[in-house]
Every structure is written in C-alpha cells, then in structure tokens.
Amino acid sequence: MLKGKNILLGVTGSIAAYKAANLIRLLIKSGAEVRVIMTPPAKEFISPLTLATLAKHPILVDFFDPTNGNWNSHVSLGLWADAYLIAPATANTIGKMANGIADNLLLTTYLSAKCPVFVAPAMDLDMYAHVATQHNLQTLRSCGNSIIAPASGELASGLDGKGRMEEPENIVRELDDFFTEKTLKNKKILLTAGPTYEKIDPVRFIGNYSSGKMGFALAERCAQKGAEVVLIAGPVALELSHKTIRRINVHSTDEMYQATVKHFPESDAAILCAAVADFKPTKAAETKLKRGTENLHITLEPTADIAADLGKMKKTSQRIVGFALETSDEEKNAADKMKRKNFDFIILNSLKDEKAGFGFDTNKITILAHNGTKKSFDLKSKTAVAEDIIRELENII
C-alpha cells in the first residue's frame, strides 16, 4: 500500500543511522518515493552520498546551500510528504520535538508537517527508560505521532536491553499497515497453515513439504486489513510480524482439528491453507523402530477431515476458503473438492508450475468459484497472492 506514497525520512545522529540505507531500499522497493533529511551529526554515522544514491535524490541537511543560496523549504517538504518517518530518532531529537525546539531542518520540517509522523527511537537502555525520555515520548503520542517502539538486544554500549531501533522490515510494515484500508475491521478470520506431522515412533513422522509461507502471508495481510486473526499453525520455522495475531501451534491433524473446530463457530470466515496429512499410522510405536532385514509395514488410517466437518458446521453467515494442490486433472479435482466440502471458493495450486507451491516465496494460483467462474493469476510473491485471495473474500464476506 506504499506504492505512490511520498515518504520523508529524517535521520538523526545515532549509530543506528546505518539502518537508514536498508530502510530507504525497502521503501523504494515497496513503491514509495523517498526524500531524506539528515541532522548535521547524522553525517558522522553514515555518508549522505550513500543515502542520496539509494534515494535517488540529494540529501537535505542545512536550511540553505551556502555556495549558491538555494533555500530548502521546510514548509514545502512537509506539504510534499504523505508520511514523515524519523528513524533513528535520538533522545536529543525526541526531546526537542516534544518541546517545540526547531534548530535544524529536520525539526522545522516536523513542526511544519501536515502528514502523519512516525518516530523510531534509538538509544541506550538507560536513556530510553529515563523518565524524561518517556515523558517526551508520551508528549509526542498525545500530539498524534506514532511511536515505533524500539526492540531489545545488544546495544552499542555493550549492554543488552530495550533501545535498539526497530528493524527496517518492521518499520516499513508499520507504515504499510497505516496506509492499508481496514476492509476487514470487526471481522474474525480463522486460518490454518503449514503441514501436520503424524507420528510413526518417537523420532519419525509422516508429513509433507509445506513451509507455511502462504498461510502466514494470508494471516499477516488479514491483520493488516483490520481483522481479528486466529492462526492455527503446524510445525513451521516462521515468525509473525503482527502481534495482534493469535497463534496456536499444533503438530498432528487431530490437534489441528480440535483447535479449528473450537474456534470456527465464532469466526466470520475460515481460510484453510494448511497441508493436512490425509493418513496417519493406526498405532505409533512407543520406542524407536530399529533397522532390520525385513520390510517394515505401517498400516495407515484416514485422519479427521477438517475441511469437510467445517463445511457441515458452516452457517449461512460464514465463509470458507479452501486450497487444492493437484498433480493431474487440476481444475476438475479442485472443483469437486469445493462442492464436496462446501467451500465458497477454492484456490488451486499445481505442482506443474515452476517456483509455485511448497517452499517457495512465490506462488501461482487459480481461483475457482461455485458459479463456474475462474480467475488465473501470474506467478508473484506470496504476499501479493495473499492480497488477491483476500480481495476475493472481501467481495463475499
């Protein structure tokens, strides 16, 4: 949602100024236009040439250029920006902002800005925890500024604690969240993601290659759009950016079934993205199975059918979105699954498509609906695919 947005980035004199380079890169990658203002001390931490090269615009530091008298108008900058992001923001700059002090171009632009202002503090833990700093941050909040809280970790002083500027990826996400229309506000969305593991013995299992990336992208995007999200995740090595998402970790299909059935009745919609195991051993061995000379035979039985049972439970006010990963007769098999399990629409993946499906950061989908309509999409990032899927859900929820 940052495409076409004008982002004014203010960089102050902190060791975290080096992160501004990646921040600019990510903002431009998101489609934003970026201009940069630096305080004079910031130039000691990162070269203006570096930031100018990345932003593709001259860096502004002083009120005017003494060589030719060109004036840098703080008023024009404030009117140009859709958002003013100050990152990193030192305790000194935060204190001046809170008290209306305007002794450099960054601060005069802040006082002139008509756009939303985001502040990402960066300082040592004692400075951040000091009552004066906390008072100044509260003053900025009361003026309508958004504070992007610092993270905890190793600091430049060698101490460990809260004060590290938040990572650029998370800062960009906060801006993206701000500009995202809250089309799913007051909606409760239940999602499943990742694989399920069915135990053979204490060290082996039956599973699949699902990474959970598609389901997590959907959960993040639903949360961005204002939904209350419950994510039931199989065993995956992924973390969530949105702290509002309620994550329930499970391993087996039975565990996922119990959690999904429990939370579905209070949901407006369910997106069933998990690659659930269809079979499990009838009995798991209590001790590790040892290698022998004979073939090992494992008897399998069907697992609980989460999608089918939710389809039976579904009320007229609820919606279910399903997924189908097929290797043959893709559209026919997906359409049959949609009807059998009472989905409102289904997302078809084919293993024939390169760089789509398990493990990749990209996906290529076709959306099939009950009325026979079909929408096919090009290969794109799973974040972009999540937007396509949610846009379809928004039309019927």
Protein backbone atom coordinates (compact mmCIF):
# COMPACT_ATOMS: atom_id res chain seq x y z
CA MET A 1 0.00 0.00 0.00
CA LEU A 2 3.04 2.28 -0.09
CA LYS A 3 3.07 2.42 -3.87
CA GLY A 4 2.99 6.06 -4.97
CA LYS A 5 3.34 7.40 -1.42
CA ASN A 6 5.76 10.22 -0.63
CA ILE A 7 7.83 9.28 2.42
CA LEU A 8 10.05 11.87 4.07
CA LEU A 9 12.78 10.15 6.10
CA GLY A 10 14.54 12.02 8.91
CA VAL A 11 17.89 10.57 10.05
CA THR A 12 19.48 11.74 13.30
CA GLY A 13 22.89 11.23 14.89
CA SER A 14 22.69 7.66 16.14
CA ILE A 15 24.80 4.58 15.48
CA ALA A 16 21.56 3.11 14.11
CA ALA A 17 21.76 5.57 11.21
CA TYR A 18 23.34 2.77 9.17
CA LYS A 19 19.92 1.11 9.09
CA ALA A 20 18.58 4.07 7.10
CA ALA A 21 20.22 2.63 3.98
CA ASN A 22 18.16 -0.57 4.16
CA LEU A 23 15.09 1.41 5.17
CA ILE A 24 15.33 3.53 2.01
CA ARG A 25 15.84 0.43 -0.12
CA LEU A 26 12.77 -1.29 1.33
CA LEU A 27 10.58 1.81 0.99
CA ILE A 28 11.53 2.25 -2.67
CA LYS A 29 11.03 -1.48 -3.28
CA SER A 30 7.51 -1.02 -1.88
CA GLY A 31 6.86 1.65 -4.50
CA ALA A 32 7.34 4.76 -2.36
CA GLU A 33 9.11 7.99 -3.32
CA VAL A 34 11.70 8.84 -0.66
CA ARG A 35 13.37 12.12 0.29
CA VAL A 36 15.87 12.29 3.15
CA ILE A 37 16.69 14.96 5.74
CA MET A 38 19.74 14.44 7.96
CA THR A 39 20.80 16.32 11.06
CA PRO A 40 24.43 17.51 10.93
CA PRO A 41 25.58 14.85 13.48
CA ALA A 42 23.97 12.09 11.38
CA LYS A 43 26.57 12.69 8.68
CA GLU A 44 29.21 11.37 11.09
CA PHE A 45 27.49 7.96 11.17
CA ILE A 46 26.57 7.40 7.52
CA SER A 47 27.58 9.19 4.34
CA PRO A 48 24.99 11.48 2.71
CA LEU A 49 26.31 10.16 -0.61
CA THR A 50 25.23 6.63 0.34
CA LEU A 51 21.70 7.71 1.19
CA ALA A 52 21.44 10.03 -1.82
CA THR A 53 22.44 7.19 -4.13
CA LEU A 54 19.77 4.91 -2.68
CA ALA A 55 17.03 7.58 -2.52
CA LYS A 56 17.95 8.96 -5.97
CA HIS A 57 17.57 12.49 -4.57
CA PRO A 58 20.02 14.92 -2.91
CA ILE A 59 20.17 14.69 0.86
CA LEU A 60 18.96 17.77 2.72
CA VAL A 61 20.89 18.88 5.82
CA ASP A 62 21.01 22.66 6.02
CA PHE A 63 18.43 25.40 5.56
CA PHE A 64 20.28 26.68 2.51
CA ASP A 65 23.27 25.87 0.32
CA PRO A 66 25.95 28.50 1.13
CA THR A 67 27.57 28.03 -2.28
CA ASN A 68 24.58 29.24 -4.27
CA GLY A 69 21.97 30.37 -1.74
CA ASN A 70 19.41 27.70 -2.68
CA TRP A 71 16.77 27.50 0.06
CA ASN A 72 15.47 24.18 1.40
CA SER A 73 11.89 24.93 2.32
CA HIS A 74 10.73 23.01 5.38
CA VAL A 75 7.17 24.06 4.55
CA SER A 76 7.30 22.56 1.06
CA LEU A 77 8.81 19.34 2.40
CA GLY A 78 6.06 18.99 4.99
CA LEU A 79 3.37 19.53 2.35
CA TRP A 80 5.00 17.07 -0.08
CA ALA A 81 5.11 14.15 2.34
CA ASP A 82 2.35 11.58 2.87
CA ALA A 83 4.25 10.46 5.96
CA TYR A 84 7.25 11.76 7.88
CA LEU A 85 9.36 8.97 9.37
CA ILE A 86 12.15 9.88 11.79
CA ALA A 87 14.39 6.84 12.09
CA PRO A 88 16.58 6.66 14.00
CA ALA A 89 15.31 9.25 16.47
CA THR A 90 17.75 10.09 19.26
CA ALA A 91 16.76 11.12 22.77
CA ASN A 92 18.00 14.62 21.91
CA THR A 93 15.77 14.94 18.83
CA ILE A 94 12.78 13.44 20.65
CA GLY A 95 13.23 15.96 23.46
CA LYS A 96 13.37 18.86 21.02
CA MET A 97 10.32 17.63 19.13
CA ALA A 98 8.33 17.32 22.35
CA ASN A 99 9.24 20.87 23.36
CA GLY A 100 8.87 22.62 20.02
CA ILE A 101 12.55 23.38 19.54
CA ALA A 102 13.43 23.96 15.88
CA ASP A 103 17.17 24.40 15.48
CA ASN A 104 17.73 22.30 12.35
CA LEU A 105 15.96 21.46 9.10
CA LEU A 106 14.63 18.13 10.36
CA LEU A 107 12.92 19.78 13.31
CA THR A 108 11.50 22.78 11.45
CA THR A 109 10.04 20.35 8.91
CA TYR A 110 8.49 18.37 11.77
CA LEU A 111 6.75 21.47 13.09
CA SER A 112 5.50 22.32 9.59
CA ALA A 113 4.38 18.81 8.57
CA LYS A 114 0.68 18.25 7.93
CA CYS A 115 1.11 14.50 7.39
CA PRO A 116 1.24 11.60 9.90
CA VAL A 117 4.56 11.40 11.77
CA PHE A 118 6.26 8.15 12.80
CA VAL A 119 9.12 8.12 15.30
CA ALA A 120 11.52 5.16 15.74
CA PRO A 121 13.64 5.77 18.85
CA ALA A 122 17.24 4.52 19.07
CA MET A 123 19.36 4.96 22.20
CA ASP A 124 20.90 3.14 25.13
CA LEU A 125 18.58 1.35 27.51
CA ASP A 126 19.04 3.80 30.44
CA MET A 127 18.37 6.77 28.18
CA TYR A 128 15.25 5.13 26.80
CA ALA A 129 13.99 4.15 30.26
CA HIS A 130 14.68 7.59 31.76
CA VAL A 131 11.59 9.38 32.99
CA ALA A 132 12.40 12.42 30.84
CA THR A 133 12.54 10.36 27.64
CA GLN A 134 9.34 8.51 28.49
CA HIS A 135 7.63 11.83 29.27
CA ASN A 136 8.77 13.23 25.90
CA LEU A 137 7.53 10.14 24.05
CA GLN A 138 4.17 10.42 25.77
CA THR A 139 4.01 14.08 24.75
CA LEU A 140 4.64 13.11 21.13
CA ARG A 141 1.91 10.44 21.32
CA SER A 142 -0.53 12.98 22.74
CA CYS A 143 0.21 15.18 19.71
CA GLY A 144 -0.87 12.35 17.39
CA ASN A 145 2.55 10.96 16.50
CA SER A 146 3.04 7.21 16.14
CA ILE A 147 5.92 5.77 18.16
CA ILE A 148 7.53 2.64 16.71
CA ALA A 149 8.84 1.09 19.89
CA PRO A 150 12.48 0.01 19.93
CA ALA A 151 13.45 -3.64 20.18
CA SER A 152 15.52 -5.34 22.84
CA GLY A 153 19.00 -6.70 22.19
CA GLU A 154 22.68 -5.86 22.24
CA LEU A 155 23.33 -2.12 22.20
CA ALA A 156 26.31 -0.09 21.01
CA SER A 157 27.36 0.41 24.64
CA GLY A 158 27.75 -3.33 25.06
CA LEU A 159 24.72 -3.52 27.32
CA ASP A 160 21.73 -5.64 26.49
CA GLY A 161 18.21 -4.26 26.72
CA LYS A 162 15.48 -2.15 25.14
CA GLY A 163 16.67 0.68 22.92
CA ARG A 164 17.64 -0.83 19.54
CA MET A 165 15.87 0.87 16.67
CA GLU A 166 13.23 -1.48 15.27
CA GLU A 167 14.38 -3.38 12.19
CA PRO A 168 13.68 -1.67 8.83
CA GLU A 169 11.39 -4.51 7.68
CA ASN A 170 9.11 -3.99 10.66
CA ILE A 171 9.15 -0.21 10.30
CA VAL A 172 8.09 -0.46 6.66
CA ARG A 173 5.35 -2.91 7.68
CA GLU A 174 4.03 -0.37 10.22
CA LEU A 175 3.82 2.28 7.50
CA ASP A 176 2.19 -0.21 5.16
CA ASP A 177 -0.33 -1.07 7.88
CA PHE A 178 -1.16 2.59 8.34
CA PHE A 179 -1.97 3.11 4.67
CA THR A 180 -3.86 -0.19 4.28
CA GLU A 181 -7.62 0.25 4.15
CA LYS A 182 -9.20 -1.63 7.04
CA THR A 183 -11.71 -3.55 4.91
CA LEU A 184 -11.83 -6.47 7.36
CA LYS A 185 -12.33 -4.42 10.51
CA ASN A 186 -14.58 -6.18 13.05
CA LYS A 187 -14.24 -9.46 11.14
CA LYS A 188 -12.89 -12.62 12.75
CA ILE A 189 -10.78 -14.75 10.43
CA LEU A 190 -9.60 -18.28 11.23
CA LEU A 191 -6.59 -19.57 9.30
CA THR A 192 -4.72 -22.85 9.15
CA ALA A 193 -1.15 -23.02 7.84
CA GLY A 194 1.78 -25.36 7.42
CA PRO A 195 1.93 -29.16 7.49
CA THR A 196 0.77 -31.65 10.08
CA TYR A 197 3.02 -34.42 11.35
CA GLU A 198 1.71 -37.90 12.12
CA LYS A 199 3.94 -39.84 14.50
CA ILE A 200 5.40 -43.22 13.47
CA ASP A 201 7.62 -43.55 16.53
CA PRO A 202 9.28 -41.07 18.92
CA VAL A 203 11.70 -39.83 16.19
CA ARG A 204 9.88 -40.34 12.86
CA PHE A 205 6.71 -38.99 11.32
CA ILE A 206 4.63 -38.80 8.17
CA GLY A 207 4.48 -35.24 6.85
CA ASN A 208 4.88 -33.07 3.77
CA TYR A 209 6.99 -30.22 2.41
CA SER A 210 4.70 -27.33 3.35
CA SER A 211 6.65 -24.33 4.71
CA GLY A 212 3.57 -22.42 5.91
CA LYS A 213 4.61 -19.30 3.97
CA MET A 214 1.32 -18.92 2.09
CA GLY A 215 -0.80 -19.28 5.22
CA PHE A 216 1.36 -16.87 7.20
CA ALA A 217 1.21 -14.30 4.37
CA LEU A 218 -2.58 -14.56 4.45
CA ALA A 219 -2.67 -14.15 8.24
CA GLU A 220 -0.43 -11.07 8.09
CA ARG A 221 -2.49 -9.47 5.33
CA CYS A 222 -5.80 -10.14 7.11
CA ALA A 223 -4.39 -8.50 10.24
CA GLN A 224 -3.18 -5.52 8.18
CA LYS A 225 -6.71 -5.08 6.91
CA GLY A 226 -8.05 -4.91 10.45
CA ALA A 227 -9.28 -8.46 11.02
CA GLU A 228 -9.07 -10.31 14.32
CA VAL A 229 -6.98 -13.31 13.27
CA VAL A 230 -6.56 -16.74 14.83
CA LEU A 231 -3.79 -18.71 13.12
CA ILE A 232 -3.55 -22.44 13.76
CA ALA A 233 -0.05 -23.35 12.63
CA GLY A 234 1.55 -26.71 12.08
CA PRO A 235 5.27 -27.21 12.81
CA VAL A 236 6.97 -24.47 10.75
CA ALA A 237 10.04 -22.25 11.25
CA LEU A 238 8.23 -18.94 10.73
CA GLU A 239 7.55 -15.91 12.91
CA LEU A 240 4.73 -13.38 12.74
CA SER A 241 5.20 -9.62 12.47
CA HIS A 242 1.71 -8.68 13.68
CA LYS A 243 1.50 -9.00 17.42
CA THR A 244 -2.32 -8.91 17.22
CA ILE A 245 -2.48 -12.33 15.55
CA ARG A 246 -3.33 -15.13 17.96
CA ARG A 247 -1.14 -18.09 17.07
CA ILE A 248 -1.95 -21.65 18.16
CA ASN A 249 0.82 -24.16 17.46
CA VAL A 250 -0.10 -27.78 16.72
CA HIS A 251 1.67 -30.85 15.34
CA SER A 252 -0.85 -33.50 14.37
CA THR A 253 -4.02 -33.40 12.32
CA ASP A 254 -6.04 -34.31 15.41
CA GLU A 255 -4.60 -31.29 17.26
CA MET A 256 -5.35 -29.01 14.31
CA TYR A 257 -8.86 -30.46 14.06
CA GLN A 258 -9.65 -29.79 17.73
CA ALA A 259 -8.35 -26.21 17.58
CA THR A 260 -10.11 -25.42 14.28
CA VAL A 261 -13.47 -26.84 15.33
CA LYS A 262 -13.22 -24.93 18.62
CA HIS A 263 -12.62 -21.51 17.01
CA PHE A 264 -14.68 -21.79 13.82
CA PRO A 265 -18.14 -21.10 15.36
CA GLU A 266 -17.11 -17.56 16.37
CA SER A 267 -15.42 -16.81 13.04
CA ASP A 268 -16.79 -14.89 10.07
CA ALA A 269 -14.56 -16.83 7.69
CA ALA A 270 -12.04 -19.65 7.64
CA ILE A 271 -9.12 -19.88 5.21
CA LEU A 272 -7.90 -23.47 5.18
CA CYS A 273 -4.38 -23.19 3.84
CA ALA A 274 -2.73 -25.98 5.85
CA ALA A 275 -1.41 -29.05 4.04
CA VAL A 276 -3.10 -31.51 6.35
CA ALA A 277 -1.93 -35.15 6.34
CA ASP A 278 -4.66 -37.39 4.94
CA PHE A 279 -3.42 -40.54 6.70
CA LYS A 280 -1.77 -41.49 9.98
CA PRO A 281 -0.38 -44.74 11.42
CA THR A 282 -3.05 -46.73 13.20
CA LYS A 283 -0.64 -47.00 16.12
CA ALA A 284 2.59 -45.16 16.83
CA ALA A 285 5.44 -47.19 18.29
CA GLU A 286 6.36 -46.24 21.85
CA THR A 287 10.10 -46.78 21.21
CA LYS A 288 12.28 -46.10 18.18
CA LEU A 289 11.84 -48.68 15.44
CA LYS A 290 15.17 -50.40 14.71
CA ARG A 291 16.52 -51.30 11.31
CA GLY A 292 16.04 -54.96 10.39
CA THR A 293 16.38 -57.25 7.40
CA GLU A 294 12.63 -57.47 6.84
CA ASN A 295 10.43 -54.88 5.17
CA LEU A 296 8.60 -52.60 7.58
CA HIS A 297 4.84 -52.42 7.09
CA ILE A 298 2.93 -49.50 8.56
CA THR A 299 -0.85 -49.60 8.49
CA LEU A 300 -2.43 -46.21 7.85
CA GLU A 301 -5.90 -44.88 8.58
CA PRO A 302 -7.60 -41.65 7.44
CA THR A 303 -7.13 -38.57 9.58
CA ALA A 304 -10.00 -36.31 10.63
CA ASP A 305 -11.36 -34.33 7.66
CA ILE A 306 -11.14 -30.76 8.95
CA ALA A 307 -12.46 -29.12 5.79
CA ALA A 308 -15.45 -31.43 5.42
CA ASP A 309 -16.54 -31.07 9.04
CA LEU A 310 -16.25 -27.28 8.94
CA GLY A 311 -18.30 -27.33 5.74
CA LYS A 312 -21.03 -29.18 7.62
CA MET A 313 -20.84 -26.76 10.55
CA LYS A 314 -20.89 -23.64 8.36
CA LYS A 315 -23.74 -21.18 8.96
CA THR A 316 -25.20 -19.07 6.17
CA SER A 317 -23.32 -16.05 7.50
CA GLN A 318 -19.95 -17.79 7.41
CA ARG A 319 -17.49 -18.25 4.54
CA ILE A 320 -14.89 -20.96 3.92
CA VAL A 321 -11.96 -20.69 1.53
CA GLY A 322 -10.19 -23.92 0.65
CA PHE A 323 -6.99 -24.93 -1.11
CA ALA A 324 -6.26 -27.74 -3.53
CA LEU A 325 -2.78 -28.86 -4.55
CA GLU A 326 -3.15 -31.08 -7.60
CA THR A 327 -0.89 -33.02 -9.95
CA SER A 328 -3.48 -34.14 -12.54
CA ASP A 329 -6.96 -33.08 -13.70
CA GLU A 330 -6.32 -30.00 -11.60
CA GLU A 331 -9.44 -27.92 -12.23
CA LYS A 332 -11.84 -30.89 -12.14
CA ASN A 333 -10.41 -32.22 -8.87
CA ALA A 334 -10.39 -28.77 -7.28
CA ALA A 335 -13.99 -28.05 -8.34
CA ASP A 336 -15.12 -31.41 -6.98
CA LYS A 337 -13.39 -30.71 -3.67
CA MET A 338 -15.04 -27.30 -3.41
CA LYS A 339 -18.51 -28.81 -3.82
CA ARG A 340 -17.93 -31.79 -1.53
CA LYS A 341 -16.61 -29.66 1.31
CA ASN A 342 -18.95 -26.70 0.96
CA PHE A 343 -16.29 -24.09 0.23
CA ASP A 344 -17.30 -20.68 -1.06
CA PHE A 345 -14.32 -20.72 -3.39
CA ILE A 346 -11.12 -22.71 -3.75
CA ILE A 347 -7.50 -21.84 -4.52
CA LEU A 348 -5.87 -24.22 -6.98
CA ASN A 349 -2.14 -24.86 -6.97
CA SER A 350 -0.45 -27.13 -9.48
CA LEU A 351 2.89 -28.83 -8.88
CA LYS A 352 3.48 -28.44 -12.61
CA ASP A 353 4.04 -24.70 -12.15
CA GLU A 354 7.66 -23.74 -11.53
CA LYS A 355 8.51 -21.79 -8.36
CA ALA A 356 4.98 -22.29 -7.02
CA GLY A 357 3.77 -24.28 -4.03
CA PHE A 358 5.81 -25.79 -1.22
CA GLY A 359 8.91 -23.97 -0.01
CA PHE A 360 8.96 -21.08 -2.48
CA ASP A 361 8.44 -17.38 -1.74
CA THR A 362 6.32 -17.17 -4.90
CA ASN A 363 3.08 -18.83 -5.94
CA LYS A 364 0.82 -19.14 -8.95
CA ILE A 365 -2.87 -19.72 -8.34
CA THR A 366 -6.25 -20.11 -9.97
CA ILE A 367 -9.40 -19.19 -8.04
CA LEU A 368 -12.48 -21.30 -8.80
CA ALA A 369 -15.95 -20.27 -7.63
CA HIS A 370 -19.30 -22.09 -7.39
CA ASN A 371 -20.80 -20.22 -10.31
CA GLY A 372 -18.15 -21.64 -12.61
CA THR A 373 -16.03 -18.51 -12.85
CA LYS A 374 -12.27 -18.93 -12.96
CA LYS A 375 -9.57 -16.36 -12.29
CA SER A 376 -5.97 -17.26 -13.11
CA PHE A 377 -3.04 -15.20 -11.87
CA ASP A 378 0.60 -14.92 -12.89
CA LEU A 379 3.47 -16.07 -10.69
CA LYS A 380 4.02 -13.49 -7.94
CA SER A 381 5.17 -13.19 -4.34
CA LYS A 382 3.06 -14.98 -1.75
CA THR A 383 2.36 -11.59 -0.14
CA ALA A 384 0.85 -10.40 -3.43
CA VAL A 385 -1.02 -13.70 -3.83
CA ALA A 386 -2.47 -13.21 -0.35
CA GLU A 387 -3.86 -9.84 -1.46
CA ASP A 388 -5.52 -11.48 -4.49
CA ILE A 389 -7.16 -14.13 -2.30
CA ILE A 390 -8.32 -11.68 0.37
CA ARG A 391 -9.74 -9.34 -2.27
CA GLU A 392 -11.90 -12.24 -3.45
CA LEU A 393 -13.02 -12.92 0.14
CA GLU A 394 -13.86 -9.24 0.68
CA ASN A 395 -16.42 -9.49 -2.14
CA ILE A 396 -18.49 -12.10 -0.27
CA ILE A 397 -17.84 -11.66 3.44
